[in-house]
Amino acid sequence: MKQKSKAELWIAFAAIALIYVAVTVLEQTVDSNHIIFTVLKKGAIYSLVAVSMNLLNGFTGLFSLGQAGFMLIGAYTYSIFTMPTEVKLTESVYKYYEAAIKFDTGIFVGLICAGLAAALFAALIGLPVLRLKSDYLAIATIGFAEIIRAIFQWDVLGPVTNGANVMRNYLDLTDVKIPFTDIAFPPTLYVFLASGVCIGLIVLLINSSYGRAFKAIRDDEVAAEAMGINLFKHKEMSFIISSFFAGVSGALLAMYQYTVQAAQFKSAMTYEILLIVVIGGIGSVSGSLIASFLYIAASEWWLRGLDMGKFLGIEAPNLFRSGFRRFVFSIIIMMIVLFFSKGLMGDKEISFAGLVRRFNKRAKTAKGGGIDG
């Protein structure tokens, strides 16, 4: 049994390594302005925040809608901390304010600080809101997310957040270097590595004793409490950890976009992430990963021609102009929900070893059929 588990682990590692090799080859052979890199980078970032949301909604049973707020905290913390001090002291960014934060950090420290800032805020608001249940928790968390967005645009905090103005000139994906060299790190590969490490940590948590406690709370709070599980402690832990990774994903989004503005982190962003989780399957990490890339690819690439009056090279009437892409996309989502009521993956996970076994079984069946014939 142990040998079987080790074999499955090695197959999973090999599959993941193959994905990273493919991304590296793409970056070396395809034009950097190709839309596929937008899909890959944004898809990886949304994968991380979707999995972090699934940790709450799918594995702990907490219906929270505050992800956009925690992403905002992460994005701003990263941009403030990694913006070079000399830039802060000029008028190029803090044009209407005198910068209050007069130091800067590197990229890695900035990412960690982004997650910690989001986690700290989650710990504070978790004390009152996690005593609520179901829809009331959702309303409270989305309310806090909107309050955060308003506060970050407040002129009083201008010396820190630059008010309602754009944050820019911080360290982005073009500033990432291979350790101990001045060679630029492939940006898409960096986003994949950062998101992959974070998602891997979440998966380890889900498969740990804490993860089993989360699932017990999700399935039946009364039974979980009777088993000796501290409900509030584990809910708070799940909420804080989820928020930490949402903060990191917000920082990665800031690196990808090169600018940050609080206005973009509206409740619509949270609904987008929730939609990805539902499409992939509540309680499935694999589903969140697949749905993230499909969602970004469809909205940013495959259906974009609809807004230009073209689709698959065919000229379309004026009906297919601005806004029709969203209309068609909504219909596709409705069809997915109708035919896959539990999402594309339900609560199942992709097993690379299982795929290999299935392939071998079919190969043996086909071979046996050939002999009989």
Protein backbone atom coordinates (compact mmCIF):
# COMPACT_ATOMS: atom_id res chain seq x y z
CA MET A 1 0.00 0.00 0.00
CA LYS A 2 2.87 2.35 0.83
CA GLN A 3 4.55 1.56 -2.49
CA LYS A 4 1.28 2.33 -4.27
CA SER A 5 0.99 5.69 -2.48
CA LYS A 6 4.59 6.56 -3.35
CA ALA A 7 3.97 5.68 -6.99
CA GLU A 8 0.88 7.91 -7.09
CA LEU A 9 2.87 10.73 -5.49
CA TRP A 10 5.64 10.43 -8.06
CA ILE A 11 3.11 10.42 -10.91
CA ALA A 12 1.53 13.60 -9.52
CA PHE A 13 4.95 15.28 -9.19
CA ALA A 14 5.84 14.26 -12.75
CA ALA A 15 2.57 15.69 -14.10
CA ILE A 16 3.08 18.98 -12.25
CA ALA A 17 6.69 19.19 -13.43
CA LEU A 18 5.49 18.62 -17.00
CA ILE A 19 3.10 21.57 -16.67
CA TYR A 20 5.91 23.84 -15.47
CA VAL A 21 8.17 22.67 -18.31
CA ALA A 22 5.38 23.40 -20.81
CA VAL A 23 4.94 26.93 -19.41
CA THR A 24 8.70 27.53 -19.61
CA VAL A 25 8.84 26.32 -23.23
CA LEU A 26 5.88 28.55 -24.13
CA GLU A 27 7.60 31.61 -22.67
CA GLN A 28 10.74 30.87 -24.65
CA THR A 29 9.03 30.19 -28.00
CA VAL A 30 5.84 32.29 -28.17
CA ASP A 31 5.60 36.08 -28.46
CA SER A 32 5.28 37.56 -24.95
CA ASN A 33 2.32 39.70 -26.07
CA HIS A 34 0.23 36.66 -27.03
CA ILE A 35 -3.13 36.44 -25.27
CA ILE A 36 -2.29 32.98 -23.95
CA PHE A 37 0.04 34.52 -21.35
CA THR A 38 -2.79 36.73 -20.10
CA VAL A 39 -4.91 33.60 -19.70
CA LEU A 40 -2.14 31.64 -17.97
CA LYS A 41 -1.11 34.38 -15.54
CA LYS A 42 -4.60 35.57 -14.66
CA GLY A 43 -5.86 31.98 -14.57
CA ALA A 44 -3.15 30.99 -12.07
CA ILE A 45 -3.92 34.00 -9.85
CA TYR A 46 -7.66 33.30 -9.93
CA SER A 47 -6.94 29.62 -9.24
CA LEU A 48 -5.27 30.56 -5.97
CA VAL A 49 -8.04 32.86 -4.77
CA ALA A 50 -10.72 30.35 -5.89
CA VAL A 51 -9.04 27.52 -3.94
CA SER A 52 -8.73 29.83 -0.91
CA MET A 53 -12.45 30.57 -1.17
CA ASN A 54 -13.20 26.86 -1.58
CA LEU A 55 -11.33 26.20 1.66
CA LEU A 56 -14.02 28.27 3.38
CA ASN A 57 -17.13 27.51 1.35
CA GLY A 58 -16.42 23.96 0.23
CA PHE A 59 -14.38 22.42 3.03
CA THR A 60 -15.47 24.35 6.14
CA GLY A 61 -19.03 25.22 5.16
CA LEU A 62 -18.66 28.98 5.74
CA PHE A 63 -20.48 31.09 3.15
CA SER A 64 -18.09 34.04 3.07
CA LEU A 65 -18.08 36.70 0.34
CA GLY A 66 -15.18 38.87 1.44
CA GLN A 67 -12.43 37.65 -0.92
CA ALA A 68 -12.26 40.89 -2.95
CA GLY A 69 -11.66 42.87 0.24
CA PHE A 70 -8.79 40.63 1.33
CA MET A 71 -7.32 40.76 -2.18
CA LEU A 72 -7.47 44.56 -1.97
CA ILE A 73 -5.59 44.55 1.34
CA GLY A 74 -2.96 42.24 -0.14
CA ALA A 75 -2.58 44.27 -3.33
CA TYR A 76 -2.16 47.58 -1.48
CA THR A 77 0.16 46.14 1.17
CA TYR A 78 2.39 44.71 -1.54
CA SER A 79 2.43 47.89 -3.63
CA ILE A 80 3.15 50.12 -0.59
CA PHE A 81 5.92 47.89 0.77
CA THR A 82 7.72 47.19 -2.52
CA MET A 83 7.55 50.69 -3.99
CA PRO A 84 11.13 52.06 -3.88
CA THR A 85 11.60 54.74 -1.21
CA GLU A 86 12.92 57.28 -3.73
CA VAL A 87 9.70 56.88 -5.74
CA LYS A 88 7.59 57.48 -2.63
CA LEU A 89 9.48 60.67 -1.82
CA THR A 90 8.86 62.17 -5.26
CA GLU A 91 5.55 63.40 -6.65
CA SER A 92 5.38 60.70 -9.33
CA VAL A 93 2.97 58.55 -7.27
CA TYR A 94 2.00 60.38 -4.06
CA LYS A 95 1.23 63.54 -6.00
CA TYR A 96 -1.32 64.95 -3.54
CA TYR A 97 0.12 63.54 -0.31
CA GLU A 98 3.38 63.13 1.56
CA ALA A 99 4.21 59.42 1.71
CA ALA A 100 4.00 58.05 5.26
CA ILE A 101 5.79 54.73 4.62
CA LYS A 102 9.42 55.63 4.00
CA PHE A 103 10.97 52.19 3.56
CA ASP A 104 10.69 49.38 1.00
CA THR A 105 11.08 45.60 0.85
CA GLY A 106 11.80 42.94 -1.75
CA ILE A 107 9.21 40.94 -3.68
CA PHE A 108 9.15 37.84 -1.47
CA VAL A 109 8.84 39.86 1.75
CA GLY A 110 6.15 41.97 0.08
CA LEU A 111 4.11 38.87 -0.80
CA ILE A 112 4.36 37.51 2.75
CA CYS A 113 3.41 40.90 4.23
CA ALA A 114 0.43 41.07 1.86
CA GLY A 115 -0.85 37.74 3.15
CA LEU A 116 -0.19 38.63 6.78
CA ALA A 117 -2.01 41.97 6.48
CA ALA A 118 -5.09 40.24 5.05
CA ALA A 119 -4.88 37.52 7.71
CA LEU A 120 -4.61 40.10 10.51
CA PHE A 121 -7.72 41.91 9.32
CA ALA A 122 -9.53 38.56 8.97
CA ALA A 123 -8.62 37.72 12.57
CA LEU A 124 -10.16 41.00 13.73
CA ILE A 125 -13.42 40.81 11.80
CA GLY A 126 -13.68 37.06 12.34
CA LEU A 127 -14.39 37.56 16.03
CA PRO A 128 -17.87 39.02 15.44
CA VAL A 129 -18.86 37.69 11.98
CA LEU A 130 -18.01 34.00 12.46
CA ARG A 131 -20.75 33.74 15.07
CA LEU A 132 -23.18 34.32 12.21
CA LYS A 133 -24.35 31.56 9.89
CA SER A 134 -25.30 31.06 6.26
CA ASP A 135 -26.66 34.15 4.48
CA TYR A 136 -25.98 36.42 7.45
CA LEU A 137 -22.27 35.57 7.30
CA ALA A 138 -22.24 36.26 3.54
CA ILE A 139 -23.93 39.66 4.03
CA ALA A 140 -21.55 40.61 6.86
CA THR A 141 -18.38 39.66 4.96
CA ILE A 142 -19.37 41.38 1.73
CA GLY A 143 -20.31 44.43 3.79
CA PHE A 144 -16.85 44.46 5.37
CA ALA A 145 -15.26 44.10 1.92
CA GLU A 146 -17.12 47.19 0.70
CA ILE A 147 -16.12 49.11 3.85
CA ILE A 148 -12.47 48.19 3.23
CA ARG A 149 -12.71 49.47 -0.35
CA ALA A 150 -14.20 52.76 0.84
CA ILE A 151 -11.56 53.19 3.57
CA PHE A 152 -8.68 52.64 1.16
CA GLN A 153 -10.03 55.47 -1.01
CA TRP A 154 -10.37 57.79 2.00
CA ASP A 155 -8.25 60.95 1.71
CA VAL A 156 -7.25 60.74 5.38
CA LEU A 157 -5.27 57.58 4.52
CA GLY A 158 -3.86 59.23 1.38
CA PRO A 159 -0.25 59.32 2.70
CA VAL A 160 -0.41 55.50 2.88
CA THR A 161 -2.90 54.38 0.20
CA ASN A 162 -2.66 57.39 -2.16
CA GLY A 163 -6.41 57.91 -1.70
CA ALA A 164 -8.53 57.16 -4.75
CA ASN A 165 -5.50 57.55 -7.03
CA VAL A 166 -3.61 54.76 -8.77
CA MET A 167 -0.69 53.01 -7.06
CA ARG A 168 2.14 52.29 -9.49
CA ASN A 169 5.94 52.07 -9.86
CA TYR A 170 6.22 49.22 -7.33
CA LEU A 171 8.02 45.93 -8.05
CA ASP A 172 6.10 43.92 -10.66
CA LEU A 173 6.66 40.73 -12.65
CA THR A 174 9.32 42.38 -14.81
CA ASP A 175 11.41 42.99 -11.67
CA VAL A 176 11.60 39.32 -10.64
CA LYS A 177 15.13 37.95 -10.99
CA ILE A 178 16.58 34.46 -10.84
CA PRO A 179 18.19 34.18 -7.35
CA PHE A 180 21.78 35.45 -7.12
CA THR A 181 21.73 36.73 -10.71
CA ASP A 182 20.50 39.72 -12.70
CA ILE A 183 18.68 37.46 -15.16
CA ALA A 184 14.94 38.10 -15.44
CA PHE A 185 12.73 35.28 -14.15
CA PRO A 186 10.07 34.18 -16.69
CA PRO A 187 6.97 36.08 -15.44
CA THR A 188 4.35 33.44 -16.26
CA LEU A 189 6.45 30.72 -14.67
CA TYR A 190 6.87 32.87 -11.54
CA VAL A 191 3.10 33.31 -11.18
CA PHE A 192 2.64 29.56 -11.66
CA LEU A 193 5.30 28.76 -9.07
CA ALA A 194 3.97 31.22 -6.48
CA SER A 195 0.35 30.13 -6.96
CA GLY A 196 1.34 26.45 -7.11
CA VAL A 197 3.24 26.56 -3.82
CA CYS A 198 0.32 28.30 -2.09
CA ILE A 199 -2.25 25.86 -3.52
CA GLY A 200 0.00 22.96 -2.49
CA LEU A 201 0.04 24.28 1.10
CA ILE A 202 -3.77 24.53 1.08
CA VAL A 203 -4.04 20.92 -0.17
CA LEU A 204 -1.70 19.75 2.60
CA LEU A 205 -3.89 21.58 5.13
CA ILE A 206 -7.07 20.00 3.72
CA ASN A 207 -5.53 16.51 4.02
CA SER A 208 -4.29 17.13 7.57
CA SER A 209 -6.12 16.60 10.86
CA TYR A 210 -7.19 20.26 10.72
CA GLY A 211 -8.69 19.66 7.29
CA ARG A 212 -10.66 16.70 8.61
CA ALA A 213 -11.94 18.93 11.42
CA PHE A 214 -13.03 21.54 8.84
CA LYS A 215 -14.96 18.87 6.91
CA ALA A 216 -16.59 17.59 10.10
CA ILE A 217 -17.81 21.13 10.86
CA ARG A 218 -19.11 21.45 7.30
CA ASP A 219 -21.02 18.16 7.49
CA ASP A 220 -22.56 18.56 10.95
CA GLU A 221 -21.60 21.19 13.53
CA VAL A 222 -23.43 19.45 16.37
CA ALA A 223 -21.69 16.13 15.71
CA ALA A 224 -18.33 17.88 15.29
CA GLU A 225 -18.71 19.64 18.64
CA ALA A 226 -19.72 16.35 20.27
CA MET A 227 -16.45 14.86 18.95
CA GLY A 228 -14.53 17.56 20.84
CA ILE A 229 -13.82 19.92 17.94
CA ASN A 230 -13.70 23.58 18.97
CA LEU A 231 -16.05 25.09 16.38
CA PHE A 232 -15.08 28.75 16.69
CA LYS A 233 -11.33 28.03 16.84
CA HIS A 234 -11.39 25.99 13.63
CA LYS A 235 -13.72 28.39 11.83
CA GLU A 236 -11.44 31.29 12.74
CA MET A 237 -8.39 29.29 11.61
CA SER A 238 -9.98 28.48 8.25
CA PHE A 239 -11.08 32.10 7.81
CA ILE A 240 -7.61 33.49 8.58
CA ILE A 241 -5.75 31.00 6.37
CA SER A 242 -8.15 31.57 3.48
CA SER A 243 -7.71 35.32 3.85
CA PHE A 244 -3.90 34.98 3.93
CA PHE A 245 -3.87 33.29 0.54
CA ALA A 246 -6.46 35.74 -0.82
CA GLY A 247 -4.05 38.51 0.22
CA VAL A 248 -1.17 36.80 -1.60
CA SER A 249 -3.33 36.42 -4.72
CA GLY A 250 -4.15 40.14 -4.51
CA ALA A 251 -0.41 40.90 -4.42
CA LEU A 252 0.18 38.66 -7.45
CA LEU A 253 -2.66 40.44 -9.25
CA ALA A 254 -0.97 43.77 -8.48
CA MET A 255 2.30 42.43 -9.91
CA TYR A 256 0.50 41.25 -13.03
CA GLN A 257 -1.44 44.50 -13.62
CA TYR A 258 1.45 46.92 -12.82
CA THR A 259 -1.08 49.28 -11.15
CA VAL A 260 -3.53 49.06 -8.26
CA GLN A 261 -6.69 51.03 -7.58
CA ALA A 262 -9.29 50.28 -4.91
CA ALA A 263 -12.18 50.88 -7.31
CA GLN A 264 -11.51 47.60 -9.15
CA PHE A 265 -12.04 45.43 -6.05
CA LYS A 266 -15.82 45.60 -6.12
CA SER A 267 -18.26 42.94 -4.97
CA ALA A 268 -18.48 41.83 -8.63
CA MET A 269 -14.95 40.43 -8.26
CA THR A 270 -16.08 38.26 -5.35
CA TYR A 271 -19.04 37.03 -7.39
CA GLU A 272 -16.63 36.12 -10.21
CA ILE A 273 -14.55 34.04 -7.82
CA LEU A 274 -17.66 32.41 -6.33
CA LEU A 275 -18.85 31.59 -9.84
CA ILE A 276 -15.53 29.86 -10.59
CA VAL A 277 -15.86 27.81 -7.39
CA VAL A 278 -19.44 26.79 -8.26
CA ILE A 279 -18.55 25.92 -11.87
CA GLY A 280 -15.60 23.80 -10.75
CA GLY A 281 -17.41 22.15 -7.87
CA ILE A 282 -17.77 23.23 -4.24
CA GLY A 283 -15.33 21.09 -2.28
CA SER A 284 -13.03 20.27 -5.20
CA VAL A 285 -9.57 21.84 -5.54
CA SER A 286 -9.16 20.31 -9.01
CA GLY A 287 -12.49 21.81 -10.04
CA SER A 288 -11.43 25.29 -8.93
CA LEU A 289 -8.20 25.01 -10.94
CA ILE A 290 -9.94 23.82 -14.12
CA ALA A 291 -12.78 26.34 -13.83
CA SER A 292 -10.37 29.26 -13.26
CA PHE A 293 -8.49 28.70 -16.50
CA LEU A 294 -11.67 27.94 -18.47
CA TYR A 295 -13.38 31.06 -17.11
CA ILE A 296 -10.45 33.37 -17.91
CA ALA A 297 -9.86 31.77 -21.33
CA ALA A 298 -13.53 32.14 -22.30
CA SER A 299 -13.98 35.69 -21.00
CA GLU A 300 -10.59 37.07 -22.10
CA TRP A 301 -9.89 35.11 -25.28
CA TRP A 302 -12.35 32.70 -26.89
CA LEU A 303 -15.45 34.91 -26.79
CA ARG A 304 -13.77 38.30 -27.20
CA GLY A 305 -14.51 38.32 -30.94
CA LEU A 306 -18.22 38.69 -30.16
CA ASP A 307 -17.67 42.28 -29.02
CA MET A 308 -16.02 43.09 -32.36
CA GLY A 309 -18.80 41.65 -34.46
CA LYS A 310 -16.78 38.57 -35.38
CA PHE A 311 -16.83 35.01 -34.17
CA LEU A 312 -14.78 32.15 -35.65
CA GLY A 313 -13.88 34.49 -38.51
CA ILE A 314 -17.54 35.10 -39.43
CA GLU A 315 -18.92 38.65 -39.66
CA ALA A 316 -21.96 39.04 -37.44
CA PRO A 317 -24.82 41.61 -37.41
CA ASN A 318 -24.90 44.57 -35.01
CA LEU A 319 -26.53 42.34 -32.41
CA PHE A 320 -23.10 40.78 -31.82
CA ARG A 321 -21.54 44.08 -30.81
CA SER A 322 -20.54 45.44 -27.42
CA GLY A 323 -21.86 43.46 -24.47
CA PHE A 324 -22.94 40.39 -26.41
CA ARG A 325 -19.88 38.49 -25.22
CA ARG A 326 -21.16 38.66 -21.65
CA PHE A 327 -24.61 37.58 -22.79
CA VAL A 328 -23.28 34.46 -24.54
CA PHE A 329 -20.94 33.77 -21.63
CA SER A 330 -23.88 33.89 -19.21
CA ILE A 331 -25.80 31.36 -21.32
CA ILE A 332 -22.80 29.01 -21.33
CA ILE A 333 -22.54 29.27 -17.53
CA MET A 334 -26.27 28.55 -17.18
CA MET A 335 -25.89 25.45 -19.35
CA ILE A 336 -22.98 24.22 -17.23
CA VAL A 337 -24.98 24.71 -14.03
CA LEU A 338 -28.01 22.94 -15.55
CA PHE A 339 -26.12 19.89 -16.80
CA PHE A 340 -23.53 19.78 -13.99
CA SER A 341 -25.56 20.67 -10.91
CA LYS A 342 -22.58 20.00 -8.62
CA GLY A 343 -20.06 21.65 -10.92
CA LEU A 344 -17.64 20.12 -13.40
CA MET A 345 -15.90 18.02 -10.73
CA GLY A 346 -18.53 17.92 -7.99
CA ASP A 347 -16.59 17.15 -4.81
CA LYS A 348 -14.16 14.82 -6.62
CA GLU A 349 -10.47 15.39 -7.35
CA ILE A 350 -8.32 14.54 -10.34
CA SER A 351 -6.01 11.62 -9.61
CA PHE A 352 -3.09 11.36 -12.02
CA ALA A 353 -2.44 7.83 -10.84
CA GLY A 354 -6.11 7.00 -11.38
CA LEU A 355 -5.92 8.31 -14.94
CA VAL A 356 -2.87 6.12 -15.60
CA ARG A 357 -4.63 3.05 -14.16
CA ARG A 358 -7.72 3.74 -16.26
CA PHE A 359 -5.59 4.13 -19.39
CA ASN A 360 -3.75 0.84 -18.66
CA LYS A 361 -7.04 -0.94 -17.98
CA ARG A 362 -8.50 0.20 -21.30
CA ALA A 363 -5.30 -0.77 -23.10
CA LYS A 364 -5.45 -4.27 -21.59
CA THR A 365 -9.14 -4.58 -22.46
CA ALA A 366 -8.48 -3.54 -26.05
CA LYS A 367 -5.56 -5.97 -26.27
CA GLY A 368 -7.65 -8.80 -24.84
CA GLY A 369 -10.45 -8.05 -27.31
CA GLY A 370 -7.96 -8.21 -30.17
CA ILE A 371 -6.73 -11.65 -29.05
CA ASP A 372 -10.26 -13.01 -28.72
CA GLY A 373 -11.02 -11.82 -32.19
